[in-house]
Amino acid sequence: MASDRQQRPEGASEDWTIAQGWEDYSAADHAMWDRLFARQAKMLPGRAAPEFLAGLDILRLSKPGIPNFDELNERLMKATGWQVVAVPGLVPDDVFFDHLANRRFVSGNFIRTPEQLDYLQEPDIFHDVFGHVPLLANPVFADYMESYGKGGQRSLAYGGLDNLARLYWYTVEFGLIDTADGLRIYGAGIVSSYGESRFALDDPSPHRIGFDLERLMQTEYRIDDYQQSYFVIDSFEQLLDRTLRTDFAPLYAKLAGAAAHSTDSLLPEDRIFTRGTQDYARSRAVAA
């Protein structure tokens, strides 16, 4: 939800928040949420991390219709001290980080149209709330997100924003986790996407690589299609511990002089879960 946009929209507060306007949603808006929810809820058991599925239950997101943030926040605050706040779209980086550092997750308050069922460029309330918020009910992941926000505030002074954005992308948005029952998805960009929920686990095309903080922060990513590589954490505790114990300042300095790894790269030191064929990416390139 961060961007380089700097002009605060009319009607937004100093922190860029707005009223959710729950009473303004139409019957069609609520029906779209229900349609998206039913489709994902049916396919995610056995695919999504147990912590994500538990969050759906804790927050009672299966209740019909678009969640009312006032009701949702009562349950979320009780679980981990987080809350969801509505914003009018992408917000500046410093605003985004400040909200995360103070346990506030920013969410768009609009929902996609039927024509945007499977893809839209700017995240809507389904992506933000269904995709992100269930894991905020998990204490360890909730701490990671707060830590990320505080780290983001520090990154602005070190010129490390691009590298830190890759950490968010490959964990919060498109992360996989290794469990006793096999790989599972937890990134919001995957769990909220019908197509990528299947692709990320089942398709032979992408690489699936063990989590390594420096390697990940040096790797480019796709914003226009399914990922060519996914990074796999061993646990949410590993993710939190690795980021809390790292002094990012020298890491930013090191990465500033290093070339980025391509989205389909494999390195000799990588811990490889799946060596992908990259057939999907090649077929898309030919089609273009």
Protein backbone atom coordinates (compact mmCIF):
# COMPACT_ATOMS: atom_id res chain seq x y z
CA MET A 1 0.00 0.00 0.00
CA ALA A 2 3.03 2.32 -0.10
CA SER A 3 3.90 4.56 -3.04
CA ASP A 4 5.80 7.72 -3.93
CA ARG A 5 2.53 9.65 -4.06
CA GLN A 6 2.81 12.76 -1.86
CA GLN A 7 -0.34 14.85 -2.27
CA ARG A 8 -2.91 13.97 0.37
CA PRO A 9 -6.39 13.54 -1.16
CA GLU A 10 -9.13 15.92 -0.15
CA GLY A 11 -11.06 14.62 2.85
CA ALA A 12 -8.22 12.46 4.20
CA SER A 13 -6.84 13.08 7.68
CA GLU A 14 -3.23 14.07 8.34
CA ASP A 15 -2.35 10.38 8.54
CA TRP A 16 -4.18 9.78 5.24
CA THR A 17 -6.99 7.81 6.87
CA ILE A 18 -10.62 8.15 5.86
CA ALA A 19 -13.89 6.72 7.10
CA GLN A 20 -14.56 3.24 5.79
CA GLY A 21 -18.07 4.27 4.73
CA TRP A 22 -19.46 0.80 5.41
CA GLU A 23 -23.04 2.06 5.16
CA ASP A 24 -22.37 3.20 1.59
CA TYR A 25 -21.58 -0.24 0.19
CA SER A 26 -24.23 -1.48 -2.23
CA ALA A 27 -25.78 -4.93 -2.32
CA ALA A 28 -23.59 -5.61 -5.36
CA ASP A 29 -20.48 -4.67 -3.37
CA HIS A 30 -21.36 -7.09 -0.58
CA ALA A 31 -22.21 -9.79 -3.13
CA MET A 32 -18.77 -9.35 -4.73
CA TRP A 33 -17.09 -9.85 -1.36
CA ASP A 34 -19.17 -12.98 -0.72
CA ARG A 35 -18.34 -14.34 -4.17
CA LEU A 36 -14.61 -13.80 -3.70
CA PHE A 37 -14.65 -15.12 -0.15
CA ALA A 38 -16.54 -18.29 -1.05
CA ARG A 39 -14.19 -19.05 -3.93
CA GLN A 40 -11.03 -18.65 -1.83
CA ALA A 41 -12.39 -20.27 1.34
CA LYS A 42 -13.25 -23.39 -0.64
CA MET A 43 -9.78 -23.87 -2.10
CA LEU A 44 -7.46 -22.68 0.69
CA PRO A 45 -7.75 -25.55 3.21
CA GLY A 46 -4.72 -27.73 2.55
CA ARG A 47 -3.04 -24.85 0.73
CA ALA A 48 -2.90 -21.93 3.16
CA ALA A 49 -0.80 -21.82 6.32
CA PRO A 50 -2.72 -23.04 9.38
CA GLU A 51 -2.10 -19.66 11.03
CA PHE A 52 -3.92 -17.91 8.18
CA LEU A 53 -6.91 -20.23 8.38
CA ALA A 54 -7.02 -19.78 12.16
CA GLY A 55 -7.08 -16.01 11.64
CA LEU A 56 -10.16 -16.29 9.44
CA ASP A 57 -11.93 -18.00 12.32
CA ILE A 58 -10.64 -15.70 15.08
CA LEU A 59 -11.78 -12.62 13.16
CA ARG A 60 -15.02 -14.25 11.96
CA LEU A 61 -14.42 -13.13 8.39
CA SER A 62 -16.85 -15.73 7.09
CA LYS A 63 -19.72 -13.49 8.17
CA PRO A 64 -21.57 -12.45 4.96
CA GLY A 65 -20.79 -9.10 3.41
CA ILE A 66 -17.85 -6.71 3.52
CA PRO A 67 -16.47 -6.56 7.07
CA ASN A 68 -17.27 -3.49 9.14
CA PHE A 69 -13.92 -2.23 10.41
CA ASP A 70 -15.39 -1.21 13.78
CA GLU A 71 -16.50 -4.78 14.43
CA LEU A 72 -13.38 -6.32 12.90
CA ASN A 73 -11.08 -4.14 14.99
CA GLU A 74 -12.70 -5.21 18.25
CA ARG A 75 -11.64 -8.79 17.55
CA LEU A 76 -8.25 -7.90 16.07
CA MET A 77 -7.32 -5.54 18.91
CA LYS A 78 -8.21 -8.26 21.41
CA ALA A 79 -6.01 -10.78 19.59
CA THR A 80 -2.84 -8.76 18.94
CA GLY A 81 -3.44 -5.03 19.44
CA TRP A 82 -3.66 -4.32 15.71
CA GLN A 83 -6.40 -2.41 13.90
CA VAL A 84 -7.40 -1.80 10.30
CA VAL A 85 -7.74 1.77 9.02
CA ALA A 86 -9.20 2.86 5.70
CA VAL A 87 -7.17 4.96 3.25
CA PRO A 88 -8.07 6.35 -0.18
CA GLY A 89 -5.56 4.22 -2.07
CA LEU A 90 -1.77 3.93 -2.03
CA VAL A 91 -0.09 6.12 0.60
CA PRO A 92 3.42 7.64 0.87
CA ASP A 93 6.14 5.39 2.22
CA ASP A 94 6.62 7.31 5.46
CA VAL A 95 2.88 7.23 6.17
CA PHE A 96 2.72 3.50 5.42
CA PHE A 97 5.62 2.70 7.72
CA ASP A 98 4.25 4.88 10.53
CA HIS A 99 0.96 3.01 10.47
CA LEU A 100 2.66 -0.40 10.56
CA ALA A 101 5.05 0.67 13.32
CA ASN A 102 2.02 1.61 15.41
CA ARG A 103 0.06 -1.58 14.64
CA ARG A 104 -2.31 -0.05 12.14
CA PHE A 105 -2.85 -1.81 8.83
CA VAL A 106 -3.98 0.43 5.98
CA SER A 107 -6.70 -0.85 3.67
CA GLY A 108 -8.45 0.49 0.63
CA ASN A 109 -12.19 0.80 1.21
CA PHE A 110 -13.36 0.00 -2.33
CA ILE A 111 -14.06 -3.40 -3.83
CA ARG A 112 -13.38 -4.60 -7.35
CA THR A 113 -16.00 -4.87 -10.07
CA PRO A 114 -17.04 -8.12 -11.78
CA GLU A 115 -14.78 -7.17 -14.70
CA GLN A 116 -11.84 -7.09 -12.27
CA LEU A 117 -12.67 -10.41 -10.65
CA ASP A 118 -9.26 -12.00 -11.18
CA TYR A 119 -6.96 -8.97 -11.40
CA LEU A 120 -6.81 -5.30 -10.56
CA GLN A 121 -3.73 -3.12 -10.31
CA GLU A 122 -4.46 -1.28 -7.06
CA PRO A 123 -5.29 -3.46 -4.04
CA ASP A 124 -8.94 -3.40 -2.97
CA ILE A 125 -10.57 -4.25 0.34
CA PHE A 126 -10.69 -7.96 -0.48
CA HIS A 127 -6.95 -8.14 -1.07
CA ASP A 128 -6.18 -5.99 1.95
CA VAL A 129 -8.59 -7.48 4.48
CA PHE A 130 -8.98 -11.09 3.35
CA GLY A 131 -5.37 -11.36 2.19
CA HIS A 132 -3.50 -9.53 4.95
CA VAL A 133 -5.56 -9.25 8.10
CA PRO A 134 -6.01 -12.92 9.16
CA LEU A 135 -2.29 -13.27 9.86
CA LEU A 136 -2.36 -10.09 11.95
CA ALA A 137 -4.33 -12.17 14.47
CA ASN A 138 -1.22 -14.34 14.88
CA PRO A 139 1.06 -12.84 17.58
CA VAL A 140 4.35 -13.73 15.88
CA PHE A 141 3.39 -12.43 12.45
CA ALA A 142 1.83 -9.37 14.07
CA ASP A 143 5.18 -8.62 15.72
CA TYR A 144 6.94 -9.10 12.38
CA MET A 145 4.72 -6.54 10.71
CA GLU A 146 5.35 -4.01 13.47
CA SER A 147 9.08 -4.69 13.17
CA TYR A 148 8.87 -4.21 9.40
CA GLY A 149 7.20 -0.83 9.87
CA LYS A 150 9.90 0.34 12.26
CA GLY A 151 12.55 -0.97 9.91
CA GLY A 152 10.90 0.90 7.07
CA GLN A 153 11.15 4.15 8.98
CA ARG A 154 14.89 3.58 9.45
CA SER A 155 15.38 2.57 5.81
CA LEU A 156 14.40 6.02 4.61
CA ALA A 157 17.61 7.39 6.11
CA TYR A 158 19.81 4.73 4.51
CA GLY A 159 18.49 4.66 0.96
CA GLY A 160 17.45 1.05 1.38
CA LEU A 161 13.82 1.36 0.39
CA ASP A 162 14.05 -0.74 -2.76
CA ASN A 163 15.73 -3.60 -0.92
CA LEU A 164 13.24 -3.45 1.94
CA ALA A 165 10.35 -3.43 -0.52
CA ARG A 166 11.62 -6.77 -1.82
CA LEU A 167 11.42 -8.19 1.70
CA TYR A 168 7.78 -7.14 1.93
CA TRP A 169 7.03 -8.49 -1.53
CA TYR A 170 8.58 -11.92 -1.04
CA THR A 171 7.20 -12.44 2.49
CA VAL A 172 4.09 -10.42 3.26
CA GLU A 173 2.74 -10.51 -0.29
CA PHE A 174 4.12 -13.68 -1.89
CA GLY A 175 5.61 -15.83 0.84
CA LEU A 176 5.50 -19.61 1.24
CA ILE A 177 6.06 -21.52 4.48
CA ASP A 178 7.36 -25.06 5.00
CA THR A 179 5.14 -27.08 7.33
CA ALA A 180 5.01 -30.67 8.55
CA ASP A 181 2.38 -31.23 5.85
CA GLY A 182 4.38 -29.63 3.04
CA LEU A 183 4.61 -26.15 1.56
CA ARG A 184 1.76 -23.76 2.28
CA ILE A 185 0.97 -20.23 1.12
CA TYR A 186 0.71 -17.25 3.43
CA GLY A 187 1.45 -14.15 1.34
CA ALA A 188 -1.59 -11.92 0.82
CA GLY A 189 -1.02 -11.62 -2.91
CA ILE A 190 -1.33 -15.39 -3.18
CA VAL A 191 -4.11 -16.22 -0.73
CA SER A 192 -6.36 -13.54 -2.22
CA SER A 193 -5.74 -14.72 -5.80
CA TYR A 194 -7.62 -17.74 -7.16
CA GLY A 195 -5.06 -18.36 -9.89
CA GLU A 196 -1.88 -17.80 -7.89
CA SER A 197 -3.15 -19.90 -4.98
CA ARG A 198 -2.81 -22.84 -7.35
CA PHE A 199 0.21 -21.68 -9.32
CA ALA A 200 2.44 -20.96 -6.32
CA LEU A 201 2.14 -24.53 -4.99
CA ASP A 202 1.26 -26.75 -7.94
CA ASP A 203 2.80 -25.36 -11.11
CA PRO A 204 6.22 -26.72 -12.13
CA SER A 205 7.27 -23.35 -13.55
CA PRO A 206 8.45 -21.23 -10.57
CA HIS A 207 11.48 -21.77 -8.38
CA ARG A 208 10.80 -22.30 -4.68
CA ILE A 209 13.84 -21.25 -2.68
CA GLY A 210 14.67 -21.35 1.03
CA PHE A 211 14.47 -18.01 2.80
CA ASP A 212 17.72 -16.04 2.97
CA LEU A 213 17.35 -12.40 3.94
CA GLU A 214 20.22 -10.92 1.93
CA ARG A 215 19.50 -13.06 -1.13
CA LEU A 216 15.84 -12.12 -1.07
CA MET A 217 16.52 -8.39 -0.66
CA GLN A 218 18.79 -8.52 -3.73
CA THR A 219 16.21 -10.22 -5.96
CA GLU A 220 13.91 -8.46 -8.42
CA TYR A 221 10.23 -9.37 -8.57
CA ARG A 222 7.28 -9.38 -10.97
CA ILE A 223 4.49 -6.86 -10.51
CA ASP A 224 2.58 -7.77 -13.66
CA ASP A 225 2.19 -11.55 -13.46
CA TYR A 226 2.75 -14.63 -11.33
CA GLN A 227 6.13 -14.79 -9.63
CA GLN A 228 9.05 -16.66 -11.19
CA SER A 229 10.50 -17.40 -7.74
CA TYR A 230 8.95 -17.83 -4.29
CA PHE A 231 10.91 -17.80 -1.04
CA VAL A 232 10.06 -20.36 1.65
CA ILE A 233 10.34 -19.62 5.37
CA ASP A 234 10.68 -22.41 7.93
CA SER A 235 8.39 -20.65 10.41
CA PHE A 236 7.06 -17.23 11.31
CA GLU A 237 9.42 -17.30 14.30
CA GLN A 238 12.34 -17.62 11.87
CA LEU A 239 11.07 -14.65 9.89
CA LEU A 240 10.70 -12.46 12.97
CA ASP A 241 13.97 -13.54 14.56
CA ARG A 242 16.02 -13.06 11.38
CA THR A 243 14.76 -9.54 10.82
CA LEU A 244 15.01 -8.48 14.49
CA ARG A 245 18.62 -9.70 14.80
CA THR A 246 19.86 -8.06 11.59
CA ASP A 247 21.60 -4.69 11.51
CA PHE A 248 20.15 -3.43 8.26
CA ALA A 249 22.42 -0.38 7.84
CA PRO A 250 25.54 -2.31 6.69
CA LEU A 251 23.31 -4.64 4.69
CA TYR A 252 21.86 -1.68 2.77
CA ALA A 253 25.40 -0.39 2.14
CA LYS A 254 26.49 -3.78 0.84
CA LEU A 255 23.47 -4.20 -1.42
CA ALA A 256 23.78 -0.66 -2.81
CA GLY A 257 26.88 -1.71 -4.70
CA ALA A 258 25.63 -5.10 -5.84
CA ALA A 259 23.73 -6.01 -8.98
CA ALA A 260 20.22 -7.31 -8.45
CA HIS A 261 19.47 -10.97 -9.07
CA SER A 262 16.94 -11.58 -11.81
CA THR A 263 13.49 -12.90 -10.99
CA ASP A 264 14.37 -16.37 -12.33
CA SER A 265 17.89 -16.69 -10.94
CA LEU A 266 19.21 -19.65 -8.99
CA LEU A 267 22.46 -19.35 -7.04
CA PRO A 268 24.86 -22.14 -6.03
CA GLU A 269 24.20 -21.45 -2.34
CA ASP A 270 20.40 -21.50 -2.68
CA ARG A 271 18.43 -24.06 -0.68
CA ILE A 272 16.15 -25.26 -3.45
CA PHE A 273 12.75 -26.77 -2.73
CA THR A 274 11.75 -26.75 -6.41
CA ARG A 275 13.92 -26.03 -9.44
CA GLY A 276 11.30 -24.50 -11.68
CA THR A 277 11.03 -25.01 -15.42
CA GLN A 278 10.16 -21.31 -16.00
CA ASP A 279 7.89 -22.53 -18.82
CA TYR A 280 5.05 -20.23 -17.78
CA ALA A 281 7.21 -17.12 -17.90
CA ARG A 282 8.69 -18.09 -21.26
CA SER A 283 5.26 -18.74 -22.76
CA ARG A 284 4.06 -15.34 -21.58
CA ALA A 285 7.11 -13.66 -23.08
CA VAL A 286 6.51 -15.34 -26.44
CA ALA A 287 2.85 -14.37 -26.38
CA ALA A 288 3.75 -10.74 -25.72
